[in-house]
């Protein structure tokens, strides 16, 4: 899918935000749609079927949380990516947003270049729910699933099987917040019962071996990989 085919719906009750964010995304070649509240967002989303919705939380008539919950119930929008763009950065609001069905959380104010980078990371998930290729290339990192090998700056990094599978899962969708239950199910499955602490230990080891700033903790929810 080319950039011109990708529709991004911006939802905010502040005209300046719509103008600034919309301009920067339009400059990147995306088709930008706008709405000023949750109700309008639902109407536009139903009609246009965007691939990505960037939505404020605090809005009149219907806030972002409620709108997100409603949008998630619309079959035609089952695969849409939703990110909250808001000045509220407290942990509780991030957790609430993710529980409402959002895929990510972007805090205001945000520099245009960083916003565009975040959008590109979110849109990488349009390639499909499952990774078709045995190799993932992200910046200076290459992950070969078939050979269980990881290279960073051309140098091989050896990881135990579970650390590799955890890293591959997170890296398969940069920017996506993987909840703890999802990580346990996909990496450990029906094996010996393990607790959340097990995930924390594996994340700590990945940070030591690959890079501390690449693995983000979303308190009370889980983890994500972000370049």
N, C-alpha and C. Protein backbone atom coordinates (compact mmCIF):
# COMPACT_ATOMS: atom_id res chain seq x y z
N UNK A 1 0.84 -1.19 0.00
CA UNK A 1 0.00 0.00 0.00
C UNK A 1 0.88 1.25 0.00
N UNK A 2 0.65 2.15 -0.95
CA UNK A 2 1.46 3.37 -1.05
C UNK A 2 0.94 4.41 -0.06
N UNK A 3 1.76 5.44 0.18
CA UNK A 3 1.36 6.49 1.12
C UNK A 3 0.07 7.17 0.67
N UNK A 4 -0.07 7.37 -0.63
CA UNK A 4 -1.25 8.07 -1.14
C UNK A 4 -2.54 7.29 -0.87
N UNK A 5 -2.41 5.97 -0.68
CA UNK A 5 -3.57 5.13 -0.41
C UNK A 5 -3.90 5.07 1.08
N UNK A 6 -2.97 5.53 1.93
CA UNK A 6 -3.17 5.45 3.37
C UNK A 6 -3.93 6.67 3.88
N UNK A 7 -5.05 6.41 4.56
CA UNK A 7 -5.86 7.49 5.12
C UNK A 7 -5.61 7.58 6.63
N UNK A 8 -5.32 8.78 7.08
CA UNK A 8 -5.10 9.03 8.50
C UNK A 8 -6.16 10.01 9.00
N UNK A 9 -6.91 9.60 10.00
CA UNK A 9 -7.95 10.45 10.58
C UNK A 9 -7.42 11.13 11.84
N UNK A 10 -7.39 12.46 11.84
CA UNK A 10 -6.97 13.23 13.00
C UNK A 10 -8.21 13.73 13.72
N UNK A 11 -8.26 13.51 15.04
CA UNK A 11 -9.43 13.91 15.81
C UNK A 11 -8.98 14.77 16.99
N UNK A 12 -9.37 16.04 16.99
CA UNK A 12 -8.98 16.96 18.06
C UNK A 12 -9.91 18.16 18.02
N UNK A 13 -10.24 18.70 19.19
CA UNK A 13 -11.12 19.87 19.22
C UNK A 13 -10.36 21.19 19.10
N UNK A 14 -9.03 21.10 18.96
CA UNK A 14 -8.20 22.29 18.78
C UNK A 14 -7.83 22.43 17.30
N UNK A 15 -8.36 23.44 16.61
CA UNK A 15 -8.07 23.63 15.18
C UNK A 15 -6.59 23.73 14.87
N UNK A 16 -5.82 24.35 15.76
CA UNK A 16 -4.37 24.51 15.53
C UNK A 16 -3.67 23.16 15.45
N UNK A 17 -4.11 22.23 16.32
CA UNK A 17 -3.52 20.89 16.32
C UNK A 17 -3.83 20.18 15.00
N UNK A 18 -5.08 20.26 14.58
CA UNK A 18 -5.47 19.63 13.32
C UNK A 18 -4.67 20.20 12.16
N UNK A 19 -4.47 21.51 12.18
CA UNK A 19 -3.76 22.16 11.09
C UNK A 19 -2.29 21.78 11.06
N UNK A 20 -1.64 21.86 12.21
CA UNK A 20 -0.19 21.58 12.27
C UNK A 20 0.11 20.11 12.00
N UNK A 21 -0.59 19.22 12.71
CA UNK A 21 -0.34 17.78 12.54
C UNK A 21 -0.76 17.35 11.13
N UNK A 22 -1.91 17.84 10.68
CA UNK A 22 -2.39 17.49 9.35
C UNK A 22 -1.44 17.93 8.26
N UNK A 23 -0.89 19.12 8.40
CA UNK A 23 0.06 19.65 7.40
C UNK A 23 1.29 18.74 7.31
N UNK A 24 1.86 18.38 8.45
CA UNK A 24 3.08 17.56 8.44
C UNK A 24 2.85 16.18 7.86
N UNK A 25 1.69 15.60 8.13
CA UNK A 25 1.40 14.28 7.58
C UNK A 25 1.07 14.36 6.08
N UNK A 26 0.41 15.44 5.69
CA UNK A 26 0.11 15.65 4.26
C UNK A 26 1.40 15.81 3.47
N UNK A 27 2.37 16.48 4.07
CA UNK A 27 3.67 16.68 3.41
C UNK A 27 4.39 15.36 3.18
N UNK A 28 4.06 14.37 4.02
CA UNK A 28 4.66 13.05 3.87
C UNK A 28 3.96 12.22 2.80
N UNK A 29 2.84 12.73 2.29
CA UNK A 29 2.13 12.03 1.21
C UNK A 29 0.89 11.27 1.65
N UNK A 30 0.53 11.33 2.93
CA UNK A 30 -0.66 10.63 3.41
C UNK A 30 -1.92 11.45 3.12
N UNK A 31 -3.05 10.77 2.98
CA UNK A 31 -4.33 11.46 2.84
C UNK A 31 -4.87 11.69 4.25
N UNK A 32 -5.03 12.97 4.62
CA UNK A 32 -5.41 13.31 5.97
C UNK A 32 -6.89 13.71 6.05
N UNK A 33 -7.62 13.09 6.98
CA UNK A 33 -9.02 13.41 7.27
C UNK A 33 -9.07 14.01 8.67
N UNK A 34 -10.08 14.83 8.96
CA UNK A 34 -10.15 15.45 10.28
C UNK A 34 -11.55 15.35 10.88
N UNK A 35 -11.59 15.43 12.21
CA UNK A 35 -12.84 15.48 12.96
C UNK A 35 -12.56 16.23 14.25
N UNK A 36 -13.57 16.91 14.82
CA UNK A 36 -13.35 17.76 15.99
C UNK A 36 -13.86 17.15 17.30
N UNK A 37 -14.49 15.97 17.23
CA UNK A 37 -14.93 15.29 18.45
C UNK A 37 -15.16 13.81 18.15
N UNK A 38 -15.46 13.05 19.21
CA UNK A 38 -15.62 11.61 19.06
C UNK A 38 -16.76 11.19 18.16
N UNK A 39 -17.89 11.87 18.25
CA UNK A 39 -19.04 11.52 17.41
C UNK A 39 -18.74 11.72 15.94
N UNK A 40 -18.12 12.86 15.64
CA UNK A 40 -17.76 13.15 14.25
C UNK A 40 -16.73 12.15 13.75
N UNK A 41 -15.82 11.77 14.65
CA UNK A 41 -14.78 10.80 14.28
C UNK A 41 -15.40 9.47 13.86
N UNK A 42 -16.41 9.02 14.60
CA UNK A 42 -17.08 7.76 14.26
C UNK A 42 -17.73 7.83 12.89
N UNK A 43 -18.36 8.97 12.58
CA UNK A 43 -19.02 9.15 11.28
C UNK A 43 -18.02 9.13 10.14
N UNK A 44 -16.92 9.86 10.32
CA UNK A 44 -15.89 9.92 9.27
C UNK A 44 -15.23 8.55 9.10
N UNK A 45 -14.97 7.90 10.22
CA UNK A 45 -14.31 6.59 10.17
C UNK A 45 -15.17 5.56 9.44
N UNK A 46 -16.45 5.55 9.71
CA UNK A 46 -17.37 4.62 9.03
C UNK A 46 -17.38 4.85 7.52
N UNK A 47 -17.36 6.11 7.13
CA UNK A 47 -17.46 6.47 5.72
C UNK A 47 -16.15 6.25 4.97
N UNK A 48 -15.03 6.65 5.58
CA UNK A 48 -13.74 6.67 4.88
C UNK A 48 -12.87 5.44 5.13
N UNK A 49 -13.12 4.71 6.23
CA UNK A 49 -12.34 3.52 6.61
C UNK A 49 -10.82 3.82 6.60
N UNK A 50 -10.37 4.69 7.48
CA UNK A 50 -8.94 5.02 7.54
C UNK A 50 -8.11 3.85 8.06
N UNK A 51 -6.82 3.90 7.76
CA UNK A 51 -5.90 2.88 8.26
C UNK A 51 -5.38 3.24 9.66
N UNK A 52 -5.35 4.55 9.96
CA UNK A 52 -4.82 5.02 11.24
C UNK A 52 -5.69 6.16 11.76
N UNK A 53 -5.99 6.13 13.05
CA UNK A 53 -6.71 7.22 13.71
C UNK A 53 -5.83 7.76 14.82
N UNK A 54 -5.56 9.07 14.79
CA UNK A 54 -4.82 9.74 15.85
C UNK A 54 -5.82 10.64 16.55
N UNK A 55 -6.10 10.37 17.82
CA UNK A 55 -7.25 10.98 18.47
C UNK A 55 -6.92 11.55 19.84
N UNK A 56 -7.40 12.77 20.08
CA UNK A 56 -7.27 13.40 21.39
C UNK A 56 -8.16 12.66 22.38
N UNK A 57 -7.86 12.79 23.67
CA UNK A 57 -8.68 12.14 24.69
C UNK A 57 -9.78 13.07 25.17
N UNK A 58 -9.41 14.26 25.61
CA UNK A 58 -10.37 15.20 26.17
C UNK A 58 -11.01 16.03 25.06
N UNK A 59 -12.28 15.71 24.73
CA UNK A 59 -13.01 16.42 23.67
C UNK A 59 -14.48 16.56 24.07
N UNK A 60 -15.18 17.57 23.53
CA UNK A 60 -16.60 17.74 23.83
C UNK A 60 -17.46 16.70 23.13
N UNK A 61 -18.70 16.56 23.57
CA UNK A 61 -19.70 15.65 23.01
C UNK A 61 -19.38 14.18 23.25
N UNK A 62 -18.22 13.74 22.81
CA UNK A 62 -17.78 12.37 23.08
C UNK A 62 -16.26 12.36 23.14
N UNK A 63 -15.70 11.91 24.27
CA UNK A 63 -14.24 11.93 24.39
C UNK A 63 -13.60 10.78 23.62
N UNK A 64 -12.27 10.81 23.58
CA UNK A 64 -11.53 9.82 22.80
C UNK A 64 -11.69 8.40 23.30
N UNK A 65 -11.75 8.22 24.63
CA UNK A 65 -11.88 6.89 25.20
C UNK A 65 -13.17 6.22 24.72
N UNK A 66 -14.29 6.96 24.83
CA UNK A 66 -15.58 6.41 24.44
C UNK A 66 -15.63 6.15 22.94
N UNK A 67 -15.10 7.11 22.17
CA UNK A 67 -15.09 6.95 20.71
C UNK A 67 -14.28 5.73 20.30
N UNK A 68 -13.15 5.51 20.96
CA UNK A 68 -12.30 4.36 20.66
C UNK A 68 -13.04 3.06 20.92
N UNK A 69 -13.74 2.99 22.04
CA UNK A 69 -14.49 1.78 22.37
C UNK A 69 -15.57 1.49 21.33
N UNK A 70 -16.25 2.53 20.86
CA UNK A 70 -17.30 2.36 19.84
C UNK A 70 -16.69 1.93 18.50
N UNK A 71 -15.59 2.57 18.13
CA UNK A 71 -14.95 2.25 16.84
C UNK A 71 -14.48 0.80 16.82
N UNK A 72 -14.00 0.32 17.95
CA UNK A 72 -13.52 -1.07 18.02
C UNK A 72 -14.64 -2.09 17.81
N UNK A 73 -15.88 -1.65 17.94
CA UNK A 73 -17.02 -2.56 17.76
C UNK A 73 -17.54 -2.55 16.32
N UNK A 74 -16.98 -1.70 15.47
CA UNK A 74 -17.41 -1.61 14.08
C UNK A 74 -16.61 -2.62 13.25
N UNK A 75 -17.25 -3.66 12.70
CA UNK A 75 -16.52 -4.72 11.98
C UNK A 75 -15.60 -4.20 10.87
N UNK A 76 -16.06 -3.21 10.11
CA UNK A 76 -15.25 -2.69 9.00
C UNK A 76 -13.98 -2.01 9.48
N UNK A 77 -13.94 -1.64 10.75
CA UNK A 77 -12.77 -0.93 11.29
C UNK A 77 -11.99 -1.82 12.26
N UNK A 78 -12.15 -3.09 12.12
CA UNK A 78 -11.52 -4.04 13.03
C UNK A 78 -9.99 -3.94 13.04
N UNK A 79 -9.41 -3.61 11.87
CA UNK A 79 -7.95 -3.58 11.75
C UNK A 79 -7.37 -2.18 11.87
N UNK A 80 -8.21 -1.15 12.08
CA UNK A 80 -7.68 0.21 12.14
C UNK A 80 -6.75 0.37 13.34
N UNK A 81 -5.68 1.13 13.15
CA UNK A 81 -4.73 1.41 14.22
C UNK A 81 -5.15 2.71 14.88
N UNK A 82 -5.24 2.70 16.21
CA UNK A 82 -5.67 3.89 16.95
C UNK A 82 -4.59 4.33 17.94
N UNK A 83 -4.22 5.61 17.86
CA UNK A 83 -3.25 6.17 18.80
C UNK A 83 -3.84 7.42 19.43
N UNK A 84 -3.71 7.56 20.73
CA UNK A 84 -4.19 8.75 21.41
C UNK A 84 -3.11 9.82 21.39
N UNK A 85 -3.51 11.05 21.02
CA UNK A 85 -2.62 12.20 21.03
C UNK A 85 -3.17 13.15 22.09
N UNK A 86 -2.46 13.26 23.21
CA UNK A 86 -3.01 14.02 24.33
C UNK A 86 -1.92 14.58 25.23
N UNK A 87 -2.27 15.63 25.95
CA UNK A 87 -1.33 16.25 26.88
C UNK A 87 -1.28 15.49 28.20
N UNK A 88 -2.24 14.59 28.40
CA UNK A 88 -2.27 13.82 29.65
C UNK A 88 -1.26 12.69 29.58
N UNK A 89 -0.25 12.76 30.44
CA UNK A 89 0.83 11.77 30.37
C UNK A 89 0.89 10.87 31.60
N UNK A 90 -0.09 10.97 32.51
CA UNK A 90 -0.07 10.14 33.70
C UNK A 90 -0.23 8.67 33.33
N UNK A 91 0.38 7.82 34.15
CA UNK A 91 0.33 6.38 33.88
C UNK A 91 -1.10 5.87 33.81
N UNK A 92 -1.99 6.37 34.70
CA UNK A 92 -3.35 5.83 34.74
C UNK A 92 -4.09 6.12 33.44
N UNK A 93 -3.84 7.29 32.83
CA UNK A 93 -4.54 7.63 31.60
C UNK A 93 -4.02 6.81 30.43
N UNK A 94 -2.73 6.48 30.47
CA UNK A 94 -2.17 5.62 29.43
C UNK A 94 -2.79 4.23 29.51
N UNK A 95 -2.88 3.70 30.70
CA UNK A 95 -3.48 2.37 30.90
C UNK A 95 -4.93 2.38 30.45
N UNK A 96 -5.68 3.43 30.84
CA UNK A 96 -7.09 3.53 30.46
C UNK A 96 -7.25 3.58 28.95
N UNK A 97 -6.37 4.33 28.28
CA UNK A 97 -6.45 4.42 26.83
C UNK A 97 -6.19 3.11 26.14
N UNK A 98 -5.21 2.38 26.62
CA UNK A 98 -4.89 1.08 26.03
C UNK A 98 -6.00 0.07 26.30
N UNK A 99 -6.59 0.14 27.49
CA UNK A 99 -7.69 -0.77 27.81
C UNK A 99 -8.93 -0.45 26.98
N UNK A 100 -9.05 0.80 26.55
CA UNK A 100 -10.19 1.20 25.71
C UNK A 100 -10.05 0.68 24.29
N UNK A 101 -8.84 0.20 23.96
CA UNK A 101 -8.63 -0.37 22.64
C UNK A 101 -7.60 0.33 21.79
N UNK A 102 -6.92 1.34 22.35
CA UNK A 102 -5.89 2.05 21.59
C UNK A 102 -4.64 1.18 21.43
N UNK A 103 -3.89 1.46 20.36
CA UNK A 103 -2.66 0.72 20.11
C UNK A 103 -1.44 1.42 20.67
N UNK A 104 -1.53 2.73 20.83
CA UNK A 104 -0.37 3.48 21.32
C UNK A 104 -0.83 4.80 21.90
N UNK A 105 0.12 5.53 22.46
CA UNK A 105 -0.17 6.75 23.18
C UNK A 105 0.91 7.76 22.84
N UNK A 106 0.54 8.90 22.25
CA UNK A 106 1.50 9.94 21.86
C UNK A 106 1.22 11.19 22.67
N UNK A 107 2.22 11.68 23.41
CA UNK A 107 2.01 12.83 24.28
C UNK A 107 2.28 14.15 23.58
N UNK A 108 1.43 15.14 23.83
CA UNK A 108 1.65 16.50 23.36
C UNK A 108 2.53 17.23 24.38
N UNK A 109 3.29 18.24 23.96
CA UNK A 109 3.55 18.58 22.54
C UNK A 109 4.56 17.61 21.95
N UNK A 110 4.52 17.44 20.64
CA UNK A 110 5.46 16.53 19.99
C UNK A 110 6.02 17.20 18.74
N UNK A 111 7.31 17.05 18.52
CA UNK A 111 7.94 17.67 17.37
C UNK A 111 7.48 16.96 16.10
N UNK A 112 7.26 17.72 15.02
CA UNK A 112 6.77 17.14 13.76
C UNK A 112 7.55 15.92 13.28
N UNK A 113 8.88 15.99 13.32
CA UNK A 113 9.69 14.87 12.83
C UNK A 113 9.48 13.62 13.68
N UNK A 114 9.34 13.82 14.99
CA UNK A 114 9.11 12.68 15.89
C UNK A 114 7.73 12.09 15.64
N UNK A 115 6.74 12.97 15.41
CA UNK A 115 5.39 12.50 15.13
C UNK A 115 5.36 11.66 13.86
N UNK A 116 6.01 12.15 12.81
CA UNK A 116 6.04 11.42 11.54
C UNK A 116 6.71 10.06 11.73
N UNK A 117 7.78 10.03 12.54
CA UNK A 117 8.47 8.77 12.82
C UNK A 117 7.55 7.80 13.55
N UNK A 118 6.78 8.31 14.52
CA UNK A 118 5.85 7.47 15.27
C UNK A 118 4.77 6.90 14.34
N UNK A 119 4.28 7.76 13.44
CA UNK A 119 3.24 7.33 12.50
C UNK A 119 3.76 6.23 11.59
N UNK A 120 4.98 6.38 11.10
CA UNK A 120 5.57 5.36 10.23
C UNK A 120 5.71 4.03 10.96
N UNK A 121 6.09 4.10 12.24
CA UNK A 121 6.24 2.88 13.04
C UNK A 121 4.88 2.20 13.22
N UNK A 122 3.85 2.98 13.47
CA UNK A 122 2.51 2.41 13.64
C UNK A 122 2.01 1.78 12.35
N UNK A 123 2.29 2.43 11.23
CA UNK A 123 1.78 1.95 9.94
C UNK A 123 2.51 0.71 9.42
N UNK A 124 3.64 0.39 10.03
CA UNK A 124 4.34 -0.84 9.61
C UNK A 124 3.46 -2.06 9.85
N UNK A 125 2.49 -1.93 10.76
CA UNK A 125 1.62 -3.05 11.07
C UNK A 125 0.59 -3.33 9.99
N UNK A 126 0.50 -2.45 9.01
CA UNK A 126 -0.43 -2.68 7.90
C UNK A 126 0.01 -3.86 7.04
N UNK A 127 1.25 -4.28 7.22
CA UNK A 127 1.76 -5.38 6.42
C UNK A 127 1.10 -6.70 6.79
N UNK A 128 0.40 -6.72 7.89
CA UNK A 128 -0.32 -7.96 8.26
C UNK A 128 -0.10 -8.34 9.69
N UNK A 129 -1.03 -9.13 10.20
CA UNK A 129 -0.98 -9.54 11.60
C UNK A 129 0.18 -10.49 11.86
N UNK A 130 0.50 -11.30 10.87
CA UNK A 130 1.62 -12.23 11.03
C UNK A 130 2.75 -11.83 10.11
N UNK A 131 3.96 -11.96 10.58
CA UNK A 131 5.13 -11.63 9.77
C UNK A 131 5.39 -12.77 8.80
N UNK A 132 5.40 -12.47 7.51
CA UNK A 132 5.57 -13.50 6.48
C UNK A 132 7.04 -13.87 6.29
N UNK A 133 7.93 -12.87 6.41
CA UNK A 133 9.34 -13.12 6.15
C UNK A 133 10.03 -13.72 7.38
N UNK A 134 11.10 -14.51 7.13
CA UNK A 134 11.87 -15.07 8.24
C UNK A 134 12.88 -14.06 8.76
N UNK A 135 13.04 -12.93 8.06
CA UNK A 135 14.01 -11.92 8.46
C UNK A 135 13.34 -10.56 8.65
N UNK A 136 13.65 -9.91 9.75
CA UNK A 136 13.16 -8.56 10.03
C UNK A 136 14.38 -7.64 10.08
N UNK A 137 14.34 -6.54 9.33
CA UNK A 137 15.41 -5.56 9.35
C UNK A 137 14.87 -4.25 9.90
N UNK A 138 15.48 -3.78 10.99
CA UNK A 138 15.06 -2.55 11.64
C UNK A 138 16.30 -1.71 11.95
N UNK A 139 16.51 -0.67 11.16
CA UNK A 139 17.70 0.15 11.37
C UNK A 139 18.96 -0.68 11.19
N UNK A 140 19.81 -0.70 12.22
CA UNK A 140 21.06 -1.47 12.15
C UNK A 140 20.90 -2.87 12.73
N UNK A 141 19.64 -3.29 12.96
CA UNK A 141 19.38 -4.61 13.55
C UNK A 141 18.72 -5.53 12.52
N UNK A 142 19.21 -6.76 12.45
CA UNK A 142 18.61 -7.76 11.56
C UNK A 142 18.32 -9.01 12.39
N UNK A 143 17.10 -9.52 12.25
CA UNK A 143 16.68 -10.70 13.01
C UNK A 143 16.32 -11.81 12.04
N UNK A 144 17.00 -12.93 12.14
CA UNK A 144 16.74 -14.08 11.28
C UNK A 144 16.03 -15.15 12.10
N UNK A 145 14.73 -15.29 11.87
CA UNK A 145 13.92 -16.21 12.66
C UNK A 145 14.29 -17.67 12.38
N UNK A 146 14.55 -17.98 11.14
CA UNK A 146 14.85 -19.36 10.76
C UNK A 146 16.13 -19.87 11.41
N UNK A 147 17.14 -18.99 11.49
CA UNK A 147 18.44 -19.40 12.04
C UNK A 147 18.62 -19.00 13.50
N UNK A 148 17.61 -18.32 14.07
CA UNK A 148 17.70 -17.83 15.45
C UNK A 148 18.97 -17.00 15.67
N UNK A 149 19.18 -16.05 14.75
CA UNK A 149 20.35 -15.19 14.85
C UNK A 149 19.94 -13.72 14.80
N UNK A 150 20.69 -12.90 15.54
CA UNK A 150 20.46 -11.46 15.55
C UNK A 150 21.79 -10.77 15.26
N UNK A 151 21.72 -9.77 14.40
CA UNK A 151 22.91 -8.98 14.07
C UNK A 151 22.63 -7.51 14.35
N UNK A 152 23.58 -6.84 15.00
CA UNK A 152 23.49 -5.41 15.23
C UNK A 152 24.79 -4.78 14.78
N UNK A 153 24.69 -3.83 13.85
CA UNK A 153 25.88 -3.22 13.25
C UNK A 153 26.80 -4.29 12.66
N UNK A 154 26.20 -5.37 12.14
CA UNK A 154 26.97 -6.42 11.49
C UNK A 154 27.54 -7.46 12.44
N UNK A 155 27.40 -7.24 13.75
CA UNK A 155 27.94 -8.19 14.73
C UNK A 155 26.82 -9.08 15.28
N UNK A 156 27.12 -10.37 15.37
CA UNK A 156 26.11 -11.31 15.83
C UNK A 156 25.94 -11.22 17.35
N UNK A 157 24.67 -11.26 17.79
CA UNK A 157 24.34 -11.27 19.22
C UNK A 157 23.66 -12.59 19.53
N UNK A 158 24.23 -13.33 20.46
CA UNK A 158 23.67 -14.62 20.81
C UNK A 158 22.65 -14.48 21.94
N UNK A 159 21.46 -15.01 21.72
CA UNK A 159 20.41 -14.96 22.73
C UNK A 159 19.86 -16.35 23.00
N UNK A 160 19.54 -16.65 24.25
CA UNK A 160 18.84 -17.90 24.56
C UNK A 160 17.50 -17.90 23.83
N UNK A 161 16.91 -19.07 23.66
CA UNK A 161 15.70 -19.21 22.85
C UNK A 161 14.55 -18.28 23.29
N UNK A 162 14.26 -18.22 24.58
CA UNK A 162 13.14 -17.41 25.03
C UNK A 162 13.40 -15.92 24.87
N UNK A 163 14.63 -15.50 25.10
CA UNK A 163 14.97 -14.09 24.87
C UNK A 163 14.81 -13.74 23.40
N UNK A 164 15.22 -14.67 22.53
CA UNK A 164 15.09 -14.43 21.09
C UNK A 164 13.62 -14.32 20.70
N UNK A 165 12.80 -15.24 21.19
CA UNK A 165 11.38 -15.24 20.82
C UNK A 165 10.67 -13.99 21.34
N UNK A 166 11.06 -13.54 22.54
CA UNK A 166 10.48 -12.31 23.08
C UNK A 166 10.88 -11.11 22.23
N UNK A 167 12.15 -11.05 21.87
CA UNK A 167 12.64 -9.94 21.05
C UNK A 167 11.98 -9.95 19.68
N UNK A 168 11.86 -11.13 19.09
CA UNK A 168 11.24 -11.24 17.76
C UNK A 168 9.78 -10.78 17.80
N UNK A 169 9.09 -11.15 18.87
CA UNK A 169 7.69 -10.75 19.01
C UNK A 169 7.57 -9.24 19.08
N UNK A 170 8.34 -8.60 19.94
CA UNK A 170 8.26 -7.15 20.11
C UNK A 170 8.69 -6.42 18.83
N UNK A 171 9.75 -6.91 18.19
CA UNK A 171 10.29 -6.26 16.99
C UNK A 171 9.41 -6.48 15.77
N UNK A 172 8.53 -7.49 15.81
CA UNK A 172 7.68 -7.76 14.66
C UNK A 172 6.69 -6.63 14.41
N UNK A 173 6.40 -5.85 15.45
CA UNK A 173 5.48 -4.71 15.32
C UNK A 173 6.01 -3.54 16.14
N UNK A 174 6.99 -2.82 15.60
CA UNK A 174 7.56 -1.68 16.33
C UNK A 174 6.48 -0.68 16.71
N UNK A 175 6.52 -0.25 17.95
CA UNK A 175 5.55 0.73 18.41
C UNK A 175 4.32 0.14 19.06
N UNK A 176 4.03 -1.13 18.78
CA UNK A 176 2.85 -1.78 19.38
C UNK A 176 3.13 -2.13 20.83
N UNK A 177 2.18 -1.85 21.69
CA UNK A 177 2.30 -2.22 23.10
C UNK A 177 1.77 -3.64 23.26
N UNK A 178 2.65 -4.55 23.63
CA UNK A 178 2.25 -5.94 23.88
C UNK A 178 1.93 -6.08 25.37
N UNK A 179 0.71 -6.50 25.65
CA UNK A 179 0.31 -6.69 27.04
C UNK A 179 0.99 -7.94 27.61
N UNK A 180 1.14 -7.96 28.92
CA UNK A 180 1.85 -9.07 29.58
C UNK A 180 1.21 -10.43 29.27
N UNK A 181 -0.12 -10.48 29.31
CA UNK A 181 -0.80 -11.75 29.05
C UNK A 181 -0.52 -12.23 27.62
N UNK A 182 -0.48 -11.30 26.68
CA UNK A 182 -0.21 -11.65 25.29
C UNK A 182 1.22 -12.17 25.13
N UNK A 183 2.16 -11.52 25.82
CA UNK A 183 3.56 -11.96 25.76
C UNK A 183 3.70 -13.37 26.33
N UNK A 184 3.08 -13.60 27.49
CA UNK A 184 3.17 -14.91 28.11
C UNK A 184 2.58 -15.99 27.21
N UNK A 185 1.46 -15.68 26.57
CA UNK A 185 0.79 -16.67 25.71
C UNK A 185 1.62 -16.98 24.47
N UNK A 186 2.18 -15.94 23.82
CA UNK A 186 2.88 -16.15 22.56
C UNK A 186 4.31 -16.64 22.72
N UNK A 187 4.95 -16.31 23.84
CA UNK A 187 6.34 -16.72 24.03
C UNK A 187 6.45 -17.99 24.86
N UNK A 188 5.64 -18.09 25.92
CA UNK A 188 5.73 -19.25 26.81
C UNK A 188 4.61 -20.27 26.58
N UNK A 189 3.47 -19.84 26.04
CA UNK A 189 2.40 -20.76 25.70
C UNK A 189 1.94 -21.60 26.87
N UNK A 190 1.84 -22.89 26.62
CA UNK A 190 1.34 -23.82 27.64
C UNK A 190 2.46 -24.47 28.45
N UNK A 191 3.62 -23.82 28.43
CA UNK A 191 4.75 -24.38 29.18
C UNK A 191 4.54 -24.18 30.68
N UNK A 192 5.57 -24.46 31.43
CA UNK A 192 5.49 -24.31 32.89
C UNK A 192 4.99 -22.90 33.21
N UNK A 193 4.06 -22.80 34.14
CA UNK A 193 3.48 -21.51 34.48
C UNK A 193 4.56 -20.54 34.97
N UNK A 194 4.59 -19.36 34.35
CA UNK A 194 5.56 -18.34 34.75
C UNK A 194 4.79 -17.07 35.08
N UNK A 195 5.42 -16.20 35.85
CA UNK A 195 4.78 -14.96 36.26
C UNK A 195 5.31 -13.77 35.48
N UNK A 196 4.72 -12.61 35.77
CA UNK A 196 5.13 -11.40 35.08
C UNK A 196 6.59 -11.04 35.33
N UNK A 197 7.09 -11.47 36.49
CA UNK A 197 8.49 -11.19 36.82
C UNK A 197 9.43 -11.82 35.80
N UNK A 198 9.04 -12.96 35.26
CA UNK A 198 9.85 -13.64 34.25
C UNK A 198 10.04 -12.74 33.03
N UNK A 199 8.97 -12.07 32.61
CA UNK A 199 9.07 -11.16 31.47
C UNK A 199 10.03 -10.03 31.80
N UNK A 200 9.91 -9.45 32.99
CA UNK A 200 10.77 -8.34 33.40
C UNK A 200 12.25 -8.72 33.32
N UNK A 201 12.56 -9.93 33.78
CA UNK A 201 13.95 -10.39 33.76
C UNK A 201 14.46 -10.53 32.33
N UNK A 202 13.65 -11.08 31.45
CA UNK A 202 14.05 -11.24 30.06
C UNK A 202 14.22 -9.89 29.37
N UNK A 203 13.35 -8.94 29.68
CA UNK A 203 13.46 -7.60 29.11
C UNK A 203 14.77 -6.94 29.58
N UNK A 204 15.08 -7.11 30.86
CA UNK A 204 16.32 -6.53 31.39
C UNK A 204 17.54 -7.09 30.66
N UNK A 205 17.53 -8.38 30.37
CA UNK A 205 18.65 -9.00 29.66
C UNK A 205 18.73 -8.49 28.22
N UNK A 206 17.57 -8.30 27.57
CA UNK A 206 17.56 -7.78 26.21
C UNK A 206 18.10 -6.35 26.17
N UNK A 207 17.75 -5.56 27.17
CA UNK A 207 18.26 -4.19 27.25
C UNK A 207 19.78 -4.18 27.37
N UNK A 208 20.30 -5.10 28.16
CA UNK A 208 21.75 -5.17 28.36
C UNK A 208 22.47 -5.58 27.08
N UNK A 209 21.88 -6.49 26.33
CA UNK A 209 22.55 -7.04 25.15
C UNK A 209 22.31 -6.26 23.86
N UNK A 210 21.12 -5.61 23.74
CA UNK A 210 20.75 -4.99 22.47
C UNK A 210 20.66 -3.47 22.56
N UNK A 211 20.20 -2.97 23.69
CA UNK A 211 20.09 -1.52 23.83
C UNK A 211 18.99 -1.13 24.78
N UNK A 212 19.33 -0.40 25.83
CA UNK A 212 18.37 -0.06 26.87
C UNK A 212 17.22 0.81 26.35
N UNK A 213 17.53 1.71 25.41
CA UNK A 213 16.53 2.66 24.95
C UNK A 213 15.57 2.08 23.92
N UNK A 214 15.77 0.84 23.49
CA UNK A 214 14.92 0.23 22.46
C UNK A 214 13.67 -0.43 23.04
N UNK A 215 13.69 -0.70 24.33
CA UNK A 215 12.57 -1.41 24.97
C UNK A 215 11.88 -0.49 25.97
N UNK A 216 10.62 -0.15 25.69
CA UNK A 216 9.87 0.79 26.52
C UNK A 216 8.91 0.05 27.44
N UNK A 217 8.87 0.46 28.69
CA UNK A 217 7.94 -0.10 29.66
C UNK A 217 6.69 0.77 29.73
N UNK A 218 5.52 0.16 29.56
CA UNK A 218 4.25 0.85 29.76
C UNK A 218 3.70 0.32 31.08
N UNK A 219 3.84 1.11 32.13
CA UNK A 219 3.50 0.65 33.47
C UNK A 219 2.07 0.13 33.57
N UNK A 220 1.95 -1.04 34.14
CA UNK A 220 0.64 -1.64 34.35
C UNK A 220 0.07 -2.33 33.12
N UNK A 221 0.81 -2.28 32.00
CA UNK A 221 0.31 -2.88 30.76
C UNK A 221 1.28 -3.89 30.18
N UNK A 222 2.46 -3.44 29.75
CA UNK A 222 3.40 -4.35 29.12
C UNK A 222 4.61 -3.63 28.55
N UNK A 223 5.04 -4.08 27.36
CA UNK A 223 6.26 -3.53 26.76
C UNK A 223 6.07 -3.31 25.26
N UNK A 224 6.96 -2.44 24.72
CA UNK A 224 7.00 -2.26 23.27
C UNK A 224 8.43 -2.01 22.83
N UNK A 225 8.71 -2.33 21.57
CA UNK A 225 10.02 -2.09 20.96
C UNK A 225 9.89 -0.86 20.10
N UNK A 226 10.84 0.07 20.26
CA UNK A 226 10.76 1.32 19.51
C UNK A 226 12.15 1.82 19.17
N UNK A 227 12.39 2.08 17.88
CA UNK A 227 13.69 2.60 17.45
C UNK A 227 13.80 4.09 17.78
